[in-house]
C-alpha atoms as a PDB file:
ATOM      1  CA  MET A   1      -0.709  -8.076   1.078  1.00  0.00           C
ATOM      2  CA  THR A   2       0.516  -9.087  -2.390  1.00  0.00           C
ATOM      3  CA  ASP A   3      -1.628 -10.236  -5.295  1.00  0.00           C
ATOM      4  CA  THR A   4      -0.681 -13.884  -4.714  1.00  0.00           C
ATOM      5  CA  GLU A   5      -1.934 -13.654  -1.119  1.00  0.00           C
ATOM      6  CA  LEU A   6      -5.275 -12.099  -1.986  1.00  0.00           C
ATOM      7  CA  PRO A   7      -8.296 -14.405  -1.915  1.00  0.00           C
ATOM      8  CA  ALA A   8      -9.663 -15.453  -5.287  1.00  0.00           C
ATOM      9  CA  PRO A   9     -12.728 -13.512  -6.445  1.00  0.00           C
ATOM     10  CA  GLY A  10     -15.925 -15.021  -5.105  1.00  0.00           C
ATOM     11  CA  SER A  11     -14.119 -17.176  -2.552  1.00  0.00           C
ATOM     12  CA  THR A  12     -15.273 -15.425   0.641  1.00  0.00           C
ATOM     13  CA  ASP A  13     -18.653 -15.909   2.241  1.00  0.00           C
ATOM     14  CA  ARG A  14     -19.712 -12.368   1.387  1.00  0.00           C
ATOM     15  CA  THR A  15     -18.641 -12.601  -2.256  1.00  0.00           C
ATOM     16  CA  THR A  16     -19.820 -16.115  -3.115  1.00  0.00           C
ATOM     17  CA  ILE A  17     -22.212 -15.815  -6.054  1.00  0.00           C
ATOM     18  CA  ARG A  18     -25.313 -17.871  -5.377  1.00  0.00           C
ATOM     19  CA  ARG A  19     -27.660 -16.638  -8.093  1.00  0.00           C
ATOM     20  CA  LEU A  20     -26.446 -17.914 -11.501  1.00  0.00           C
ATOM     21  CA  ALA A  21     -23.324 -19.245  -9.845  1.00  0.00           C
ATOM     22  CA  GLU A  22     -22.130 -20.743 -13.146  1.00  0.00           C
ATOM     23  CA  LYS A  23     -21.286 -17.203 -14.272  1.00  0.00           C
ATOM     24  CA  THR A  24     -18.750 -16.807 -11.465  1.00  0.00           C
ATOM     25  CA  VAL A  25     -15.178 -16.030 -12.515  1.00  0.00           C
ATOM     26  CA  ASN A  26     -12.443 -16.823  -9.997  1.00  0.00           C
ATOM     27  CA  ASP A  27      -9.589 -15.323 -12.000  1.00  0.00           C
ATOM     28  CA  ARG A  28      -8.463 -12.038 -10.435  1.00  0.00           C
ATOM     29  CA  ALA A  29      -6.772 -10.985 -13.694  1.00  0.00           C
ATOM     30  CA  ILE A  30     -10.115 -11.056 -15.512  1.00  0.00           C
ATOM     31  CA  GLY A  31     -11.663  -8.890 -12.814  1.00  0.00           C
ATOM     32  CA  TYR A  32      -8.816  -6.416 -13.131  1.00  0.00           C
ATOM     33  CA  ALA A  33      -9.232  -6.316 -16.923  1.00  0.00           C
ATOM     34  CA  ILE A  34     -12.917  -5.472 -16.461  1.00  0.00           C
ATOM     35  CA  LEU A  35     -12.025  -2.650 -14.084  1.00  0.00           C
ATOM     36  CA  ASP A  36      -9.414  -1.365 -16.543  1.00  0.00           C
ATOM     37  CA  ALA A  37     -12.041  -1.250 -19.302  1.00  0.00           C
ATOM     38  CA  GLY A  38     -14.558   0.743 -17.269  1.00  0.00           C
ATOM     39  CA  PHE A  39     -14.802   4.439 -16.518  1.00  0.00           C
ATOM     40  CA  VAL A  40     -17.667   4.744 -14.021  1.00  0.00           C
ATOM     41  CA  ALA A  41     -18.074   2.876 -10.747  1.00  0.00           C
ATOM     42  CA  HIS A  42     -21.044   2.982  -8.381  1.00  0.00           C
ATOM     43  CA  VAL A  43     -20.191   3.301  -4.701  1.00  0.00           C
ATOM     44  CA  ALA A  44     -22.656   2.556  -1.897  1.00  0.00           C
ATOM     45  CA  VAL A  45     -22.778   4.770   1.178  1.00  0.00           C
ATOM     46  CA  VAL A  46     -25.230   5.193   4.072  1.00  0.00           C
ATOM     47  CA  ASP A  47     -25.768   8.595   5.703  1.00  0.00           C
ATOM     48  CA  ASP A  48     -26.244   9.267   9.404  1.00  0.00           C
ATOM     49  CA  SER A  49     -29.995   8.688   9.167  1.00  0.00           C
ATOM     50  CA  GLY A  50     -29.514   5.204   7.733  1.00  0.00           C
ATOM     51  CA  GLN A  51     -30.563   6.222   4.218  1.00  0.00           C
ATOM     52  CA  PRO A  52     -28.514   4.323   1.590  1.00  0.00           C
ATOM     53  CA  TYR A  53     -27.223   6.058  -1.525  1.00  0.00           C
ATOM     54  CA  VAL A  54     -25.349   4.847  -4.599  1.00  0.00           C
ATOM     55  CA  VAL A  55     -22.918   7.405  -6.003  1.00  0.00           C
ATOM     56  CA  PRO A  56     -21.409   7.234  -9.514  1.00  0.00           C
ATOM     57  CA  VAL A  57     -17.702   8.091  -9.628  1.00  0.00           C
ATOM     58  CA  GLY A  58     -14.930   8.186 -12.174  1.00  0.00           C
ATOM     59  CA  TYR A  59     -12.210   5.820 -11.050  1.00  0.00           C
ATOM     60  CA  ALA A  60      -9.002   4.012 -11.906  1.00  0.00           C
ATOM     61  CA  ARG A  61      -7.479   0.735 -10.805  1.00  0.00           C
ATOM     62  CA  ASP A  62      -4.032   1.065  -9.281  1.00  0.00           C
ATOM     63  CA  GLY A  63      -2.647  -2.399  -8.646  1.00  0.00           C
ATOM     64  CA  ASP A  64      -4.766  -4.109  -5.995  1.00  0.00           C
ATOM     65  CA  ARG A  65      -6.949  -1.093  -5.247  1.00  0.00           C
ATOM     66  CA  VAL A  66      -9.434   1.267  -6.866  1.00  0.00           C
ATOM     67  CA  LEU A  67      -8.928   5.038  -6.669  1.00  0.00           C
ATOM     68  CA  PHE A  68     -11.661   7.674  -6.877  1.00  0.00           C
ATOM     69  CA  HIS A  69     -12.278  11.184  -5.620  1.00  0.00           C
ATOM     70  CA  GLY A  70     -15.043  13.519  -4.511  1.00  0.00           C
ATOM     71  CA  SER A  71     -15.659  16.754  -2.681  1.00  0.00           C
ATOM     72  CA  THR A  72     -14.460  17.274   0.876  1.00  0.00           C
ATOM     73  CA  GLY A  73     -17.794  19.028   1.388  1.00  0.00           C
ATOM     74  CA  SER A  74     -19.802  15.874   0.629  1.00  0.00           C
ATOM     75  CA  ARG A  75     -21.208  14.220   3.743  1.00  0.00           C
ATOM     76  CA  LEU A  76     -21.348  10.940   1.842  1.00  0.00           C
ATOM     77  CA  PHE A  77     -17.671  11.027   0.953  1.00  0.00           C
ATOM     78  CA  ARG A  78     -16.792  12.084   4.472  1.00  0.00           C
ATOM     79  CA  GLY A  79     -18.549   8.928   5.664  1.00  0.00           C
ATOM     80  CA  LEU A  80     -16.359   6.854   3.364  1.00  0.00           C
ATOM     81  CA  ALA A  81     -13.302   8.738   4.584  1.00  0.00           C
ATOM     82  CA  ASP A  82     -14.263   7.884   8.162  1.00  0.00           C
ATOM     83  CA  GLY A  83     -14.095   4.194   7.314  1.00  0.00           C
ATOM     84  CA  GLN A  84     -17.720   3.340   6.605  1.00  0.00           C
ATOM     85  CA  PRO A  85     -17.970  -0.083   4.930  1.00  0.00           C
ATOM     86  CA  THR A  86     -18.870   0.176   1.276  1.00  0.00           C
ATOM     87  CA  CYS A  87     -19.562  -1.765  -1.896  1.00  0.00           C
ATOM     88  CA  LEU A  88     -18.172  -0.664  -5.257  1.00  0.00           C
ATOM     89  CA  THR A  89     -19.484  -2.087  -8.519  1.00  0.00           C
ATOM     90  CA  VAL A  90     -18.490  -1.768 -12.169  1.00  0.00           C
ATOM     91  CA  THR A  91     -20.579  -3.228 -14.996  1.00  0.00           C
ATOM     92  CA  LEU A  92     -19.801  -3.435 -18.702  1.00  0.00           C
ATOM     93  CA  LEU A  93     -22.802  -4.100 -20.935  1.00  0.00           C
ATOM     94  CA  ASP A  94     -21.731  -6.135 -23.968  1.00  0.00           C
ATOM     95  CA  GLY A  95     -24.965  -7.103 -25.678  1.00  0.00           C
ATOM     96  CA  MET A  96     -28.674  -7.850 -25.555  1.00  0.00           C
ATOM     97  CA  VAL A  97     -29.697 -11.500 -25.577  1.00  0.00           C
ATOM     98  CA  LEU A  98     -32.966 -12.132 -27.411  1.00  0.00           C
ATOM     99  CA  ALA A  99     -34.441 -15.465 -26.432  1.00  0.00           C
ATOM    100  CA  ARG A 100     -37.685 -16.848 -27.787  1.00  0.00           C
ATOM    101  CA  SER A 101     -39.371 -15.976 -24.501  1.00  0.00           C
ATOM    102  CA  THR A 102     -39.177 -12.700 -22.627  1.00  0.00           C
ATOM    103  CA  PHE A 103     -38.391 -14.605 -19.432  1.00  0.00           C
ATOM    104  CA  GLU A 104     -35.189 -16.090 -20.854  1.00  0.00           C
ATOM    105  CA  SER A 105     -34.139 -12.892 -22.648  1.00  0.00           C
ATOM    106  CA  SER A 106     -31.239 -11.188 -20.889  1.00  0.00           C
ATOM    107  CA  MET A 107     -27.985  -9.303 -21.369  1.00  0.00           C
ATOM    108  CA  GLN A 108     -24.352 -10.104 -21.924  1.00  0.00           C
ATOM    109  CA  TYR A 109     -22.275  -8.312 -19.308  1.00  0.00           C
ATOM    110  CA  ARG A 110     -19.119  -8.313 -17.232  1.00  0.00           C
ATOM    111  CA  GLY A 111     -19.254  -7.126 -13.641  1.00  0.00           C
ATOM    112  CA  VAL A 112     -17.040  -6.634 -10.606  1.00  0.00           C
ATOM    113  CA  MET A 113     -18.136  -6.064  -7.021  1.00  0.00           C
ATOM    114  CA  ALA A 114     -15.636  -5.053  -4.324  1.00  0.00           C
ATOM    115  CA  LEU A 115     -16.297  -4.864  -0.583  1.00  0.00           C
ATOM    116  CA  GLY A 116     -14.235  -3.055   2.004  1.00  0.00           C
ATOM    117  CA  ARG A 117     -13.368   0.235   3.638  1.00  0.00           C
ATOM    118  CA  CYS A 118     -11.633   3.176   1.987  1.00  0.00           C
ATOM    119  CA  THR A 119      -8.502   4.936   3.102  1.00  0.00           C
ATOM    120  CA  VAL A 120      -7.801   8.629   2.521  1.00  0.00           C
ATOM    121  CA  LEU A 121      -4.763   9.536   0.429  1.00  0.00           C
ATOM    122  CA  GLU A 122      -2.767  12.628   1.324  1.00  0.00           C
ATOM    123  CA  ASP A 123       0.176  14.681   0.080  1.00  0.00           C
ATOM    124  CA  ALA A 124       2.313  12.923  -2.548  1.00  0.00           C
ATOM    125  CA  ASP A 125       0.068   9.844  -2.518  1.00  0.00           C
ATOM    126  CA  LYS A 126      -2.890  12.102  -3.297  1.00  0.00           C
ATOM    127  CA  ASP A 127      -1.070  13.773  -6.185  1.00  0.00           C
ATOM    128  CA  ASP A 128      -0.023  10.410  -7.605  1.00  0.00           C
ATOM    129  CA  ALA A 129      -3.575   9.066  -7.334  1.00  0.00           C
ATOM    130  CA  LEU A 130      -5.014  12.052  -9.200  1.00  0.00           C
ATOM    131  CA  GLU A 131      -2.520  11.439 -11.987  1.00  0.00           C
ATOM    132  CA  VAL A 132      -3.483   7.744 -12.150  1.00  0.00           C
ATOM    133  CA  ILE A 133      -7.190   8.614 -12.320  1.00  0.00           C
ATOM    134  CA  THR A 134      -6.626  11.276 -14.972  1.00  0.00           C
ATOM    135  CA  GLU A 135      -4.479   9.013 -17.111  1.00  0.00           C
ATOM    136  CA  HIS A 136      -7.044   6.216 -16.932  1.00  0.00           C
ATOM    137  CA  LEU A 137      -9.953   8.454 -17.925  1.00  0.00           C
ATOM    138  CA  LEU A 138      -8.050  10.878 -20.212  1.00  0.00           C
ATOM    139  CA  PRO A 139      -4.819   9.183 -21.369  1.00  0.00           C
ATOM    140  CA  GLY A 140      -2.099  11.699 -22.214  1.00  0.00           C
ATOM    141  CA  ARG A 141      -3.820  14.666 -20.579  1.00  0.00           C
ATOM    142  CA  TRP A 142      -1.862  14.894 -17.319  1.00  0.00           C
ATOM    143  CA  SER A 143       1.354  16.030 -19.015  1.00  0.00           C
ATOM    144  CA  GLU A 144      -0.409  18.849 -20.903  1.00  0.00           C
ATOM    145  CA  ALA A 145      -3.196  20.257 -18.710  1.00  0.00           C
ATOM    146  CA  ARG A 146      -2.771  22.372 -15.560  1.00  0.00           C
ATOM    147  CA  HIS A 147      -2.542  20.309 -12.388  1.00  0.00           C
ATOM    148  CA  PRO A 148      -4.765  21.009  -9.352  1.00  0.00           C
ATOM    149  CA  ASN A 149      -3.740  24.040  -7.323  1.00  0.00           C
ATOM    150  CA  ARG A 150      -3.640  24.210  -3.538  1.00  0.00           C
ATOM    151  CA  LYS A 151      -7.254  25.362  -3.240  1.00  0.00           C
ATOM    152  CA  GLU A 152      -8.518  22.630  -5.560  1.00  0.00           C
ATOM    153  CA  LEU A 153      -6.542  19.979  -3.718  1.00  0.00           C
ATOM    154  CA  ALA A 154      -8.001  21.139  -0.415  1.00  0.00           C
ATOM    155  CA  ALA A 155     -11.499  20.734  -1.841  1.00  0.00           C
ATOM    156  CA  THR A 156     -10.811  17.226  -3.149  1.00  0.00           C
ATOM    157  CA  LEU A 157     -11.017  14.004  -1.171  1.00  0.00           C
ATOM    158  CA  VAL A 158      -9.106  11.100  -2.745  1.00  0.00           C
ATOM    159  CA  LEU A 159      -9.993   7.607  -1.582  1.00  0.00           C
ATOM    160  CA  ALA A 160      -8.525   4.160  -2.164  1.00  0.00           C
ATOM    161  CA  LEU A 161     -10.561   0.972  -1.841  1.00  0.00           C
ATOM    162  CA  PRO A 162      -8.551  -2.262  -1.574  1.00  0.00           C
ATOM    163  CA  LEU A 163      -9.573  -5.102  -3.866  1.00  0.00           C
ATOM    164  CA  ASP A 164      -8.944  -7.717  -1.190  1.00  0.00           C
ATOM    165  CA  GLU A 165     -12.544  -8.966  -1.280  1.00  0.00           C
ATOM    166  CA  MET A 166     -14.254  -8.987  -4.648  1.00  0.00           C
ATOM    167  CA  SER A 167     -16.444 -11.037  -6.940  1.00  0.00           C
ATOM    168  CA  VAL A 168     -16.473 -11.252 -10.733  1.00  0.00           C
ATOM    169  CA  LYS A 169     -19.440 -12.308 -12.833  1.00  0.00           C
ATOM    170  CA  VAL A 170     -19.523 -12.741 -16.617  1.00  0.00           C
ATOM    171  CA  ALA A 171     -22.525 -13.506 -18.807  1.00  0.00           C
ATOM    172  CA  ASP A 172     -21.442 -14.056 -22.402  1.00  0.00           C
ATOM    173  CA  GLY A 173     -23.465 -16.882 -23.882  1.00  0.00           C
ATOM    174  CA  PRO A 174     -26.281 -17.224 -26.418  1.00  0.00           C
ATOM    175  CA  PRO A 175     -29.982 -17.462 -25.523  1.00  0.00           C
ATOM    176  CA  GLU A 176     -30.905 -20.412 -23.334  1.00  0.00           C
ATOM    177  CA  ASP A 177     -34.438 -21.216 -24.396  1.00  0.00           C
ATOM    178  CA  GLU A 178     -36.702 -23.883 -23.012  1.00  0.00           C
ATOM    179  CA  ASP A 179     -36.943 -26.899 -25.289  1.00  0.00           C
ATOM    180  CA  ASP A 180     -40.614 -26.166 -25.989  1.00  0.00           C
ATOM    181  CA  ASP A 181     -39.702 -22.713 -27.328  1.00  0.00           C
ATOM    182  CA  ILE A 182     -36.977 -23.742 -29.791  1.00  0.00           C
ATOM    183  CA  ALA A 183     -39.438 -24.248 -32.635  1.00  0.00           C
ATOM    184  CA  ARG A 184     -41.153 -20.883 -32.205  1.00  0.00           C
ATOM    185  CA  PRO A 185     -41.018 -19.015 -35.553  1.00  0.00           C
ATOM    186  CA  ILE A 186     -39.091 -15.961 -34.297  1.00  0.00           C
ATOM    187  CA  TRP A 187     -35.485 -14.845 -34.497  1.00  0.00           C
ATOM    188  CA  ALA A 188     -33.263 -15.475 -31.497  1.00  0.00           C
ATOM    189  CA  GLY A 189     -29.675 -14.411 -30.889  1.00  0.00           C
ATOM    190  CA  VAL A 190     -27.421 -11.699 -29.527  1.00  0.00           C
ATOM    191  CA  VAL A 191     -27.176  -8.028 -30.495  1.00  0.00           C
ATOM    192  CA  PRO A 192     -23.667  -6.839 -29.501  1.00  0.00           C
ATOM    193  CA  LEU A 193     -23.286  -3.452 -27.873  1.00  0.00           C
ATOM    194  CA  ARG A 194     -20.037  -1.507 -28.119  1.00  0.00           C
ATOM    195  CA  GLU A 195     -19.039   1.920 -26.790  1.00  0.00           C
ATOM    196  CA  ALA A 196     -16.710   4.096 -28.857  1.00  0.00           C
ATOM    197  CA  PHE A 197     -15.250   7.604 -28.763  1.00  0.00           C
ATOM    198  CA  GLY A 198     -16.787  10.023 -31.261  1.00  0.00           C
ATOM    199  CA  GLU A 199     -15.389  12.979 -33.171  1.00  0.00           C
ATOM    200  CA  PRO A 200     -13.948  15.577 -30.731  1.00  0.00           C
ATOM    201  CA  VAL A 201     -15.971  18.797 -30.424  1.00  0.00           C
ATOM    202  CA  PRO A 202     -13.903  21.943 -29.681  1.00  0.00           C
ATOM    203  CA  ALA A 203     -14.809  24.218 -26.781  1.00  0.00           C
ATOM    204  CA  PRO A 204     -16.584  27.385 -27.997  1.00  0.00           C
ATOM    205  CA  ASP A 205     -14.110  29.616 -26.120  1.00  0.00           C
ATOM    206  CA  LEU A 206     -10.874  28.346 -27.683  1.00  0.00           C
ATOM    207  CA  VAL A 207      -8.781  31.460 -28.318  1.00  0.00           C
ATOM    208  CA  GLU A 208      -6.852  29.760 -31.108  1.00  0.00           C
ATOM    209  CA  PRO A 209      -7.820  26.982 -33.524  1.00  0.00           C
ATOM    210  CA  TYR A 210      -5.668  24.465 -31.682  1.00  0.00           C
ATOM    211  CA  PRO A 211      -5.602  21.030 -33.319  1.00  0.00           C
ATOM    212  CA  VAL A 212      -7.043  18.060 -31.485  1.00  0.00           C
ATOM    213  CA  PRO A 213      -4.151  16.431 -29.592  1.00  0.00           C
ATOM    214  CA  GLU A 214      -2.835  13.300 -31.229  1.00  0.00           C
ATOM    215  CA  TYR A 215      -3.225  11.384 -27.980  1.00  0.00           C
ATOM    216  CA  VAL A 216      -6.968  12.126 -28.092  1.00  0.00           C
ATOM    217  CA  ARG A 217      -7.153  10.849 -31.655  1.00  0.00           C
ATOM    218  CA  THR A 218      -5.733   7.525 -30.519  1.00  0.00           C
ATOM    219  CA  TRP A 219      -8.169   6.965 -27.638  1.00  0.00           C
ATOM    220  CA  LYS A 220      -9.803   3.576 -27.803  1.00  0.00           C
ATOM    221  CA  ARG A 221     -12.081   1.916 -25.289  1.00  0.00           C
ATOM    222  CA  PRO A 222     -10.109  -0.894 -23.596  1.00  0.00           C
ATOM    223  CA  ASP A 223     -11.403  -4.361 -24.365  1.00  0.00           C
ATOM    224  CA  PRO A 224     -11.487  -6.680 -21.341  1.00  0.00           C
ATOM    225  CA  GLY A 225     -11.278  -9.660 -23.674  1.00  0.00           C
END
């Protein structure tokens, strides 16, 4: 299935946003930009007893799918590998919205929710996926660091979740106070929140005073726009 054949975000019965529907975004490109700006996704999984769990994972978008990995020893990841239906979410927090009432106070955010079943990647596809994940989380690192050996690969389960069915929700406006609260003598507005990379801290066991790689110096958190 190509991108042009994929349903628009929020267009299926399961992904239609009913609460605050005006924040729905039907543009798949915006959803992809949000995914490209994030680093951590939360993946839902239910164990054999029926107990639900939500697992945080590092991830990367690769075209019309999301890639992530976990341990082959994890019963939760084995459930995903067996085709258990799942829900993956990514949220970017952009600011705190201070209304004149606590009820109307909220947050500015961008979020993506994807529904589906994962497939297991093997052999060359697995190697390629690990490179994509590494380069999304640590740009420039794959060409310099040691790649996984046979034992490490055997202990790693790499999964791909198609983005066929997804929803995108964006909240980016100012406070929406009730008319009766507008005249209240308190400040109202938005406090932006931005994440940024800090000064690199060397490992205590470096055998030489190696300089910080230039590619690390240039890291910048992607902006979904």
